Amino acid sequence: MSAVRQAQLLALLEELPERERALLDLVARFRLVQSSQVERLFFTDSSNQGAAARHCRRQLARLVELGLLHRLERRIGGVRAGSAGHVYALAPAGRRLQALIEGDDRASDRGVHEPGLPFLRHTLAVTELYVRLREAERTGTVELLGCDTEPDCWRAYTLASGAIGYVKPDAFVRLGVEEWEERSFIEIDLGTEGRGALVRKLKAYQALFRSGREQAERGVFPRVAFLATREPRAAQIARVADSLQLPSGLVVSGPFEQALSILTGASDAEQQR
């Protein structure tokens, strides 16, 4: 990063309102964010939904104009979704600004890659989970104690051979529910993986559990929550987990729409082993 660029970014950082900085941090953490998700998180202080939507659009447009955000060409929901369907990622200057905030001057100047639809949907589903948990926190249903995204949520463990194995969940969530803390590895499942890939993923979690590393470092092993887009897929995941004879309660699966009850252990529909 050149001295001029750094000076310009520092000056810009001083001028950014707190909400815009928080918005950039959100996009940095989750990689892709939909306009409607931004509105639900940051523009809830208006009783007029139309006014909130307009304010949200202006804020996003300003960050695009400043070169900090990039609006993808593809919309979720197509043209009929309007501005609510627009998806945003950090622009190169936005990446450099975030790197500066984090004390790292190695941010890339590469442009923004237009992702394919499966990646787009999967990434936005992770963002959507976070938004819903924040909304639940506002109502006092839960307290969101933490939400680690990739790669911070990944875990390493030692195999019997001495090699290093990994599990790479989509997120790691900690929820406060009354006097309890509920911890979950999150797997967003769009039904795109075959049985073989699912078995390998489940066996990796089983190996992490058997290694004892998570329990030794954090005191407890989290549930592994598979959130599927369709009920039949959730049932299939439960059957595969059952066939592997995994420890009781290690894996739960259910529809994404029931995410909150699954992650708090309150869902009657969750599948357990």
C-alpha atoms as a PDB file:
ATOM      1  CA  MET A   1       0.000   0.000   0.000  1.00  0.00           C
ATOM      2  CA  SER A   2       1.489   3.335  -0.995  1.00  0.00           C
ATOM      3  CA  ALA A   3       1.859   6.200   1.487  1.00  0.00           C
ATOM      4  CA  VAL A   4      -0.602   8.300  -0.524  1.00  0.00           C
ATOM      5  CA  ARG A   5      -3.214   5.599  -0.590  1.00  0.00           C
ATOM      6  CA  GLN A   6      -2.788   4.932   3.094  1.00  0.00           C
ATOM      7  CA  ALA A   7      -3.130   8.636   3.906  1.00  0.00           C
ATOM      8  CA  GLN A   8      -6.264   8.866   1.767  1.00  0.00           C
ATOM      9  CA  LEU A   9      -7.789   5.819   3.425  1.00  0.00           C
ATOM     10  CA  LEU A  10      -6.969   7.137   6.889  1.00  0.00           C
ATOM     11  CA  ALA A  11      -8.670  10.427   6.052  1.00  0.00           C
ATOM     12  CA  LEU A  12     -11.689   8.565   4.700  1.00  0.00           C
ATOM     13  CA  LEU A  13     -11.817   6.380   7.783  1.00  0.00           C
ATOM     14  CA  GLU A  14     -12.023   9.467   9.990  1.00  0.00           C
ATOM     15  CA  GLU A  15     -15.006  10.730   8.002  1.00  0.00           C
ATOM     16  CA  LEU A  16     -17.039   7.512   7.948  1.00  0.00           C
ATOM     17  CA  PRO A  17     -19.992   7.440  10.352  1.00  0.00           C
ATOM     18  CA  GLU A  18     -20.124   4.556  12.801  1.00  0.00           C
ATOM     19  CA  ARG A  19     -22.953   2.837  10.917  1.00  0.00           C
ATOM     20  CA  GLU A  20     -21.020   2.853   7.645  1.00  0.00           C
ATOM     21  CA  ARG A  21     -17.967   1.384   9.354  1.00  0.00           C
ATOM     22  CA  ALA A  22     -20.133  -1.323  10.916  1.00  0.00           C
ATOM     23  CA  LEU A  23     -21.691  -2.028   7.525  1.00  0.00           C
ATOM     24  CA  LEU A  24     -18.255  -2.443   5.915  1.00  0.00           C
ATOM     25  CA  ASP A  25     -17.203  -4.747   8.735  1.00  0.00           C
ATOM     26  CA  LEU A  26     -20.295  -6.878   8.116  1.00  0.00           C
ATOM     27  CA  VAL A  27     -19.460  -7.250   4.414  1.00  0.00           C
ATOM     28  CA  ALA A  28     -15.845  -8.054   5.254  1.00  0.00           C
ATOM     29  CA  ARG A  29     -16.890 -10.812   7.644  1.00  0.00           C
ATOM     30  CA  PHE A  30     -19.567 -12.431   5.488  1.00  0.00           C
ATOM     31  CA  ARG A  31     -18.137 -11.601   2.014  1.00  0.00           C
ATOM     32  CA  LEU A  32     -21.542 -11.013   0.406  1.00  0.00           C
ATOM     33  CA  VAL A  33     -24.543  -9.116   1.780  1.00  0.00           C
ATOM     34  CA  GLN A  34     -27.927  -8.442   0.223  1.00  0.00           C
ATOM     35  CA  SER A  35     -29.488  -4.988   0.380  1.00  0.00           C
ATOM     36  CA  SER A  36     -32.542  -6.269   2.243  1.00  0.00           C
ATOM     37  CA  GLN A  37     -30.270  -7.845   4.873  1.00  0.00           C
ATOM     38  CA  VAL A  38     -28.471  -4.541   5.391  1.00  0.00           C
ATOM     39  CA  GLU A  39     -31.818  -2.815   5.853  1.00  0.00           C
ATOM     40  CA  ARG A  40     -32.952  -5.332   8.489  1.00  0.00           C
ATOM     41  CA  LEU A  41     -29.726  -4.960  10.453  1.00  0.00           C
ATOM     42  CA  PHE A  42     -28.984  -1.251  10.304  1.00  0.00           C
ATOM     43  CA  PHE A  43     -32.158   0.615   9.419  1.00  0.00           C
ATOM     44  CA  THR A  44     -34.673  -0.441  12.049  1.00  0.00           C
ATOM     45  CA  ASP A  45     -34.950   2.979  13.705  1.00  0.00           C
ATOM     46  CA  SER A  46     -37.708   4.150  11.349  1.00  0.00           C
ATOM     47  CA  SER A  47     -41.393   3.298  11.747  1.00  0.00           C
ATOM     48  CA  ASN A  48     -41.807   3.859   8.008  1.00  0.00           C
ATOM     49  CA  GLN A  49     -40.499   0.856   6.081  1.00  0.00           C
ATOM     50  CA  GLY A  50     -40.380   2.787   2.830  1.00  0.00           C
ATOM     51  CA  ALA A  51     -38.252   5.503   4.408  1.00  0.00           C
ATOM     52  CA  ALA A  52     -35.930   2.891   5.900  1.00  0.00           C
ATOM     53  CA  ALA A  53     -35.494   1.234   2.498  1.00  0.00           C
ATOM     54  CA  ARG A  54     -34.674   4.564   0.833  1.00  0.00           C
ATOM     55  CA  HIS A  55     -32.169   5.468   3.534  1.00  0.00           C
ATOM     56  CA  CYS A  56     -30.547   2.060   3.140  1.00  0.00           C
ATOM     57  CA  ARG A  57     -30.271   2.490  -0.636  1.00  0.00           C
ATOM     58  CA  ARG A  58     -28.669   5.917  -0.221  1.00  0.00           C
ATOM     59  CA  GLN A  59     -26.144   4.582   2.275  1.00  0.00           C
ATOM     60  CA  LEU A  60     -25.154   1.681   0.038  1.00  0.00           C
ATOM     61  CA  ALA A  61     -24.967   3.941  -3.024  1.00  0.00           C
ATOM     62  CA  ARG A  62     -22.659   6.312  -1.130  1.00  0.00           C
ATOM     63  CA  LEU A  63     -20.280   3.488  -0.197  1.00  0.00           C
ATOM     64  CA  VAL A  64     -20.266   2.305  -3.808  1.00  0.00           C
ATOM     65  CA  GLU A  65     -19.537   5.859  -4.976  1.00  0.00           C
ATOM     66  CA  LEU A  66     -16.656   6.083  -2.494  1.00  0.00           C
ATOM     67  CA  GLY A  67     -15.236   2.915  -4.037  1.00  0.00           C
ATOM     68  CA  LEU A  68     -15.551   0.902  -0.813  1.00  0.00           C
ATOM     69  CA  LEU A  69     -18.359  -1.434  -1.901  1.00  0.00           C
ATOM     70  CA  HIS A  70     -19.003  -3.195  -5.190  1.00  0.00           C
ATOM     71  CA  ARG A  71     -22.518  -4.043  -6.341  1.00  0.00           C
ATOM     72  CA  LEU A  72     -22.683  -7.368  -8.145  1.00  0.00           C
ATOM     73  CA  GLU A  73     -24.361  -7.608 -11.513  1.00  0.00           C
ATOM     74  CA  ARG A  74     -26.524 -10.550 -10.438  1.00  0.00           C
ATOM     75  CA  ARG A  75     -29.530  -9.888  -8.214  1.00  0.00           C
ATOM     76  CA  ILE A  76     -31.179 -12.418  -5.951  1.00  0.00           C
ATOM     77  CA  GLY A  77     -34.791 -12.751  -7.034  1.00  0.00           C
ATOM     78  CA  GLY A  78     -34.146 -11.268 -10.474  1.00  0.00           C
ATOM     79  CA  VAL A  79     -35.187  -7.866 -11.750  1.00  0.00           C
ATOM     80  CA  ARG A  80     -38.518  -8.052  -9.935  1.00  0.00           C
ATOM     81  CA  ALA A  81     -36.681  -8.010  -6.612  1.00  0.00           C
ATOM     82  CA  GLY A  82     -35.653  -4.429  -7.345  1.00  0.00           C
ATOM     83  CA  SER A  83     -32.973  -2.792  -5.219  1.00  0.00           C
ATOM     84  CA  ALA A  84     -33.721  -5.186  -2.330  1.00  0.00           C
ATOM     85  CA  GLY A  85     -32.196  -7.953  -4.447  1.00  0.00           C
ATOM     86  CA  HIS A  86     -28.860  -6.216  -5.014  1.00  0.00           C
ATOM     87  CA  VAL A  87     -25.822  -7.978  -3.552  1.00  0.00           C
ATOM     88  CA  TYR A  88     -22.687  -6.211  -2.322  1.00  0.00           C
ATOM     89  CA  ALA A  89     -19.059  -7.192  -1.760  1.00  0.00           C
ATOM     90  CA  LEU A  90     -16.031  -5.195  -0.659  1.00  0.00           C
ATOM     91  CA  ALA A  91     -14.380  -3.276  -3.482  1.00  0.00           C
ATOM     92  CA  PRO A  92     -10.548  -3.196  -3.599  1.00  0.00           C
ATOM     93  CA  ALA A  93     -10.439   0.086  -1.653  1.00  0.00           C
ATOM     94  CA  GLY A  94     -12.828  -1.416   0.890  1.00  0.00           C
ATOM     95  CA  ARG A  95     -10.497  -4.387   1.355  1.00  0.00           C
ATOM     96  CA  ARG A  96      -7.550  -2.066   1.835  1.00  0.00           C
ATOM     97  CA  LEU A  97      -9.491  -0.010   4.366  1.00  0.00           C
ATOM     98  CA  GLN A  98     -10.436  -3.109   6.357  1.00  0.00           C
ATOM     99  CA  ALA A  99      -6.828  -4.318   6.217  1.00  0.00           C
ATOM    100  CA  LEU A 100      -5.693  -0.941   7.514  1.00  0.00           C
ATOM    101  CA  ILE A 101      -8.140  -1.164  10.417  1.00  0.00           C
ATOM    102  CA  GLU A 102      -6.802  -4.640  11.234  1.00  0.00           C
ATOM    103  CA  GLY A 103      -3.160  -3.521  10.965  1.00  0.00           C
ATOM    104  CA  ASP A 104      -2.460  -5.500   7.775  1.00  0.00           C
ATOM    105  CA  ASP A 105      -1.046  -3.730   4.706  1.00  0.00           C
ATOM    106  CA  ARG A 106      -1.133  -6.752   2.383  1.00  0.00           C
ATOM    107  CA  ALA A 107      -4.667  -6.395   1.002  1.00  0.00           C
ATOM    108  CA  SER A 108      -5.001  -7.259  -2.668  1.00  0.00           C
ATOM    109  CA  ASP A 109      -5.904  -4.721  -5.347  1.00  0.00           C
ATOM    110  CA  ARG A 110      -7.565  -7.380  -7.497  1.00  0.00           C
ATOM    111  CA  GLY A 111     -11.045  -6.659  -8.762  1.00  0.00           C
ATOM    112  CA  VAL A 112     -14.240  -8.247  -7.480  1.00  0.00           C
ATOM    113  CA  HIS A 113     -15.008 -11.653  -8.974  1.00  0.00           C
ATOM    114  CA  GLU A 114     -18.625 -12.202  -9.971  1.00  0.00           C
ATOM    115  CA  PRO A 115     -19.468 -15.476  -8.181  1.00  0.00           C
ATOM    116  CA  GLY A 116     -21.621 -18.249  -9.569  1.00  0.00           C
ATOM    117  CA  LEU A 117     -25.175 -18.684  -8.346  1.00  0.00           C
ATOM    118  CA  PRO A 118     -24.512 -21.683  -5.996  1.00  0.00           C
ATOM    119  CA  PHE A 119     -21.724 -19.806  -4.190  1.00  0.00           C
ATOM    120  CA  LEU A 120     -23.851 -16.673  -4.063  1.00  0.00           C
ATOM    121  CA  ARG A 121     -26.824 -18.465  -2.524  1.00  0.00           C
ATOM    122  CA  HIS A 122     -24.692 -20.360  -0.029  1.00  0.00           C
ATOM    123  CA  THR A 123     -22.791 -17.289   1.142  1.00  0.00           C
ATOM    124  CA  LEU A 124     -25.945 -15.208   1.477  1.00  0.00           C
ATOM    125  CA  ALA A 125     -27.552 -18.015   3.490  1.00  0.00           C
ATOM    126  CA  VAL A 126     -24.752 -17.712   6.062  1.00  0.00           C
ATOM    127  CA  THR A 127     -25.337 -13.953   6.170  1.00  0.00           C
ATOM    128  CA  GLU A 128     -29.078 -14.563   6.503  1.00  0.00           C
ATOM    129  CA  LEU A 129     -28.540 -16.795   9.518  1.00  0.00           C
ATOM    130  CA  TYR A 130     -26.574 -14.037  11.229  1.00  0.00           C
ATOM    131  CA  VAL A 131     -29.282 -11.465  10.423  1.00  0.00           C
ATOM    132  CA  ARG A 132     -31.989 -13.713  11.874  1.00  0.00           C
ATOM    133  CA  LEU A 133     -29.991 -14.301  15.041  1.00  0.00           C
ATOM    134  CA  ARG A 134     -29.537 -10.550  15.452  1.00  0.00           C
ATOM    135  CA  GLU A 135     -33.267 -10.053  14.957  1.00  0.00           C
ATOM    136  CA  ALA A 136     -33.966 -12.718  17.585  1.00  0.00           C
ATOM    137  CA  GLU A 137     -31.576 -10.946  19.941  1.00  0.00           C
ATOM    138  CA  ARG A 138     -33.534  -7.698  19.531  1.00  0.00           C
ATOM    139  CA  THR A 139     -36.689  -9.433  20.714  1.00  0.00           C
ATOM    140  CA  GLY A 140     -34.881 -10.860  23.754  1.00  0.00           C
ATOM    141  CA  THR A 141     -35.256 -14.464  22.566  1.00  0.00           C
ATOM    142  CA  VAL A 142     -31.512 -15.149  22.650  1.00  0.00           C
ATOM    143  CA  GLU A 143     -28.218 -13.363  23.191  1.00  0.00           C
ATOM    144  CA  LEU A 144     -25.770 -13.693  20.316  1.00  0.00           C
ATOM    145  CA  LEU A 145     -22.497 -14.216  22.155  1.00  0.00           C
ATOM    146  CA  GLY A 146     -20.418 -14.850  19.059  1.00  0.00           C
ATOM    147  CA  CYS A 147     -20.529 -15.725  15.376  1.00  0.00           C
ATOM    148  CA  ASP A 148     -17.221 -16.768  13.816  1.00  0.00           C
ATOM    149  CA  THR A 149     -17.079 -16.977  10.032  1.00  0.00           C
ATOM    150  CA  GLU A 150     -14.622 -18.711   7.726  1.00  0.00           C
ATOM    151  CA  PRO A 151     -11.739 -19.265   8.226  1.00  0.00           C
ATOM    152  CA  ASP A 152     -11.902 -18.322  11.921  1.00  0.00           C
ATOM    153  CA  CYS A 153     -14.436 -21.085  12.602  1.00  0.00           C
ATOM    154  CA  TRP A 154     -12.299 -23.870  11.104  1.00  0.00           C
ATOM    155  CA  ARG A 155     -10.770 -26.492  13.391  1.00  0.00           C
ATOM    156  CA  ALA A 156      -7.655 -28.643  13.043  1.00  0.00           C
ATOM    157  CA  TYR A 157      -7.049 -32.004  14.699  1.00  0.00           C
ATOM    158  CA  THR A 158      -4.432 -34.762  14.624  1.00  0.00           C
ATOM    159  CA  LEU A 159      -5.226 -38.006  12.853  1.00  0.00           C
ATOM    160  CA  ALA A 160      -4.063 -41.408  14.117  1.00  0.00           C
ATOM    161  CA  SER A 161      -1.406 -41.327  11.388  1.00  0.00           C
ATOM    162  CA  GLY A 162      -0.026 -38.090  12.776  1.00  0.00           C
ATOM    163  CA  ALA A 163      -1.301 -36.040   9.854  1.00  0.00           C
ATOM    164  CA  ILE A 164      -3.400 -32.934  10.400  1.00  0.00           C
ATOM    165  CA  GLY A 165      -7.096 -33.070   9.528  1.00  0.00           C
ATOM    166  CA  TYR A 166      -9.559 -30.200   9.293  1.00  0.00           C
ATOM    167  CA  VAL A 167     -13.231 -29.491   9.624  1.00  0.00           C
ATOM    168  CA  LYS A 168     -14.393 -26.381   7.832  1.00  0.00           C
ATOM    169  CA  PRO A 169     -17.871 -25.349   8.976  1.00  0.00           C
ATOM    170  CA  ASP A 170     -19.583 -22.350   7.456  1.00  0.00           C
ATOM    171  CA  ALA A 171     -19.787 -20.653  10.852  1.00  0.00           C
ATOM    172  CA  PHE A 172     -19.491 -21.230  14.597  1.00  0.00           C
ATOM    173  CA  VAL A 173     -22.257 -19.708  16.706  1.00  0.00           C
ATOM    174  CA  ARG A 174     -22.552 -19.139  20.457  1.00  0.00           C
ATOM    175  CA  LEU A 175     -25.991 -18.277  21.820  1.00  0.00           C
ATOM    176  CA  GLY A 176     -27.019 -17.298  25.319  1.00  0.00           C
ATOM    177  CA  VAL A 177     -30.352 -18.934  26.183  1.00  0.00           C
ATOM    178  CA  GLU A 178     -31.411 -18.055  29.731  1.00  0.00           C
ATOM    179  CA  GLU A 179     -28.538 -19.366  31.906  1.00  0.00           C
ATOM    180  CA  TRP A 180     -27.175 -21.679  29.186  1.00  0.00           C
ATOM    181  CA  GLU A 181     -24.686 -21.184  26.389  1.00  0.00           C
ATOM    182  CA  GLU A 182     -25.490 -23.116  23.229  1.00  0.00           C
ATOM    183  CA  ARG A 183     -22.600 -23.717  20.815  1.00  0.00           C
ATOM    184  CA  SER A 184     -22.991 -24.939  17.252  1.00  0.00           C
ATOM    185  CA  PHE A 185     -20.900 -25.599  14.192  1.00  0.00           C
ATOM    186  CA  ILE A 186     -23.039 -24.499  11.245  1.00  0.00           C
ATOM    187  CA  GLU A 187     -23.324 -26.335   7.942  1.00  0.00           C
ATOM    188  CA  ILE A 188     -25.555 -24.632   5.379  1.00  0.00           C
ATOM    189  CA  ASP A 189     -26.725 -27.419   3.082  1.00  0.00           C
ATOM    190  CA  LEU A 190     -28.184 -26.543  -0.319  1.00  0.00           C
ATOM    191  CA  GLY A 191     -28.477 -30.188  -1.345  1.00  0.00           C
ATOM    192  CA  THR A 192     -25.645 -29.946  -3.867  1.00  0.00           C
ATOM    193  CA  GLU A 193     -23.385 -32.606  -2.314  1.00  0.00           C
ATOM    194  CA  GLY A 194     -23.779 -36.333  -2.806  1.00  0.00           C
ATOM    195  CA  ARG A 195     -23.844 -38.958  -0.074  1.00  0.00           C
ATOM    196  CA  GLY A 196     -20.097 -39.598  -0.315  1.00  0.00           C
ATOM    197  CA  ALA A 197     -19.197 -35.978   0.351  1.00  0.00           C
ATOM    198  CA  LEU A 198     -21.684 -35.860   3.221  1.00  0.00           C
ATOM    199  CA  VAL A 199     -20.183 -39.000   4.795  1.00  0.00           C
ATOM    200  CA  ARG A 200     -16.662 -37.549   4.571  1.00  0.00           C
ATOM    201  CA  LYS A 201     -17.806 -34.344   6.225  1.00  0.00           C
ATOM    202  CA  LEU A 202     -19.573 -36.188   9.053  1.00  0.00           C
ATOM    203  CA  LYS A 203     -16.568 -38.460   9.622  1.00  0.00           C
ATOM    204  CA  ALA A 204     -14.321 -35.401   9.891  1.00  0.00           C
ATOM    205  CA  TYR A 205     -16.507 -34.057  12.713  1.00  0.00           C
ATOM    206  CA  GLN A 206     -16.440 -37.495  14.331  1.00  0.00           C
ATOM    207  CA  ALA A 207     -12.630 -37.469  14.156  1.00  0.00           C
ATOM    208  CA  LEU A 208     -12.488 -33.989  15.690  1.00  0.00           C
ATOM    209  CA  PHE A 209     -14.766 -35.180  18.493  1.00  0.00           C
ATOM    210  CA  ARG A 210     -12.631 -38.261  19.146  1.00  0.00           C
ATOM    211  CA  SER A 211      -9.427 -36.220  19.175  1.00  0.00           C
ATOM    212  CA  GLY A 212     -10.700 -34.367  22.267  1.00  0.00           C
ATOM    213  CA  ARG A 213      -9.021 -31.188  21.116  1.00  0.00           C
ATOM    214  CA  GLU A 214     -12.158 -29.049  21.031  1.00  0.00           C
ATOM    215  CA  GLN A 215     -13.222 -30.272  24.476  1.00  0.00           C
ATOM    216  CA  ALA A 216      -9.764 -29.637  25.944  1.00  0.00           C
ATOM    217  CA  GLU A 217      -9.485 -26.118  24.522  1.00  0.00           C
ATOM    218  CA  ARG A 218     -13.093 -24.951  24.945  1.00  0.00           C
ATOM    219  CA  GLY A 219     -14.607 -27.257  27.553  1.00  0.00           C
ATOM    220  CA  VAL A 220     -17.393 -28.751  25.444  1.00  0.00           C
ATOM    221  CA  PHE A 221     -17.991 -30.071  21.954  1.00  0.00           C
ATOM    222  CA  PRO A 222     -20.580 -28.056  19.998  1.00  0.00           C
ATOM    223  CA  ARG A 223     -23.530 -29.572  18.201  1.00  0.00           C
ATOM    224  CA  VAL A 224     -23.042 -29.881  14.450  1.00  0.00           C
ATOM    225  CA  ALA A 225     -26.121 -28.256  12.929  1.00  0.00           C
ATOM    226  CA  PHE A 226     -26.965 -28.978   9.318  1.00  0.00           C
ATOM    227  CA  LEU A 227     -29.462 -26.389   8.084  1.00  0.00           C
ATOM    228  CA  ALA A 228     -31.023 -27.608   4.854  1.00  0.00           C
ATOM    229  CA  THR A 229     -33.128 -25.725   2.352  1.00  0.00           C
ATOM    230  CA  ARG A 230     -35.625 -28.606   2.101  1.00  0.00           C
ATOM    231  CA  GLU A 231     -37.121 -30.952   4.693  1.00  0.00           C
ATOM    232  CA  PRO A 232     -36.371 -34.160   2.680  1.00  0.00           C
ATOM    233  CA  ARG A 233     -32.700 -33.208   2.537  1.00  0.00           C
ATOM    234  CA  ALA A 234     -32.619 -32.642   6.303  1.00  0.00           C
ATOM    235  CA  ALA A 235     -34.122 -36.101   6.784  1.00  0.00           C
ATOM    236  CA  GLN A 236     -31.514 -37.596   4.449  1.00  0.00           C
ATOM    237  CA  ILE A 237     -28.701 -36.017   6.468  1.00  0.00           C
ATOM    238  CA  ALA A 238     -30.187 -37.448   9.653  1.00  0.00           C
ATOM    239  CA  ARG A 239     -30.299 -40.925   8.094  1.00  0.00           C
ATOM    240  CA  VAL A 240     -26.668 -40.738   6.967  1.00  0.00           C
ATOM    241  CA  ALA A 241     -25.570 -39.539  10.419  1.00  0.00           C
ATOM    242  CA  ASP A 242     -27.544 -42.385  11.997  1.00  0.00           C
ATOM    243  CA  SER A 243     -25.868 -44.941   9.733  1.00  0.00           C
ATOM    244  CA  LEU A 244     -22.440 -43.806  10.935  1.00  0.00           C
ATOM    245  CA  GLN A 245     -23.399 -44.378  14.590  1.00  0.00           C
ATOM    246  CA  LEU A 246     -22.168 -40.979  15.645  1.00  0.00           C
ATOM    247  CA  PRO A 247     -22.247 -40.008  19.332  1.00  0.00           C
ATOM    248  CA  SER A 248     -25.712 -39.089  20.582  1.00  0.00           C
ATOM    249  CA  GLY A 249     -26.536 -35.427  20.000  1.00  0.00           C
ATOM    250  CA  LEU A 250     -23.420 -34.732  17.940  1.00  0.00           C
ATOM    251  CA  VAL A 251     -25.347 -33.950  14.742  1.00  0.00           C
ATOM    252  CA  VAL A 252     -28.723 -32.280  14.326  1.00  0.00           C
ATOM    253  CA  SER A 253     -30.416 -31.419  11.065  1.00  0.00           C
ATOM    254  CA  GLY A 254     -33.499 -29.530  10.054  1.00  0.00           C
ATOM    255  CA  PRO A 255     -34.887 -26.894   7.696  1.00  0.00           C
ATOM    256  CA  PHE A 256     -33.147 -23.533   7.584  1.00  0.00           C
ATOM    257  CA  GLU A 257     -36.437 -21.896   8.557  1.00  0.00           C
ATOM    258  CA  GLN A 258     -36.202 -23.652  11.935  1.00  0.00           C
ATOM    259  CA  ALA A 259     -32.617 -22.521  12.536  1.00  0.00           C
ATOM    260  CA  LEU A 260     -33.300 -20.654  15.763  1.00  0.00           C
ATOM    261  CA  SER A 261     -35.091 -23.550  17.468  1.00  0.00           C
ATOM    262  CA  ILE A 262     -32.446 -25.998  16.223  1.00  0.00           C
ATOM    263  CA  LEU A 263     -29.564 -23.904  17.549  1.00  0.00           C
ATOM    264  CA  THR A 264     -31.237 -23.382  20.917  1.00  0.00           C
ATOM    265  CA  GLY A 265     -32.099 -27.079  21.228  1.00  0.00           C
ATOM    266  CA  ALA A 266     -35.818 -26.282  21.278  1.00  0.00           C
ATOM    267  CA  SER A 267     -36.936 -27.815  17.989  1.00  0.00           C
ATOM    268  CA  ASP A 268     -39.165 -30.881  18.083  1.00  0.00           C
ATOM    269  CA  ALA A 269     -38.273 -31.494  14.438  1.00  0.00           C
ATOM    270  CA  GLU A 270     -34.512 -31.824  14.850  1.00  0.00           C
ATOM    271  CA  GLN A 271     -32.905 -35.147  14.019  1.00  0.00           C
ATOM    272  CA  GLN A 272     -30.351 -36.365  16.540  1.00  0.00           C
ATOM    273  CA  ARG A 273     -27.687 -39.007  16.888  1.00  0.00           C
END
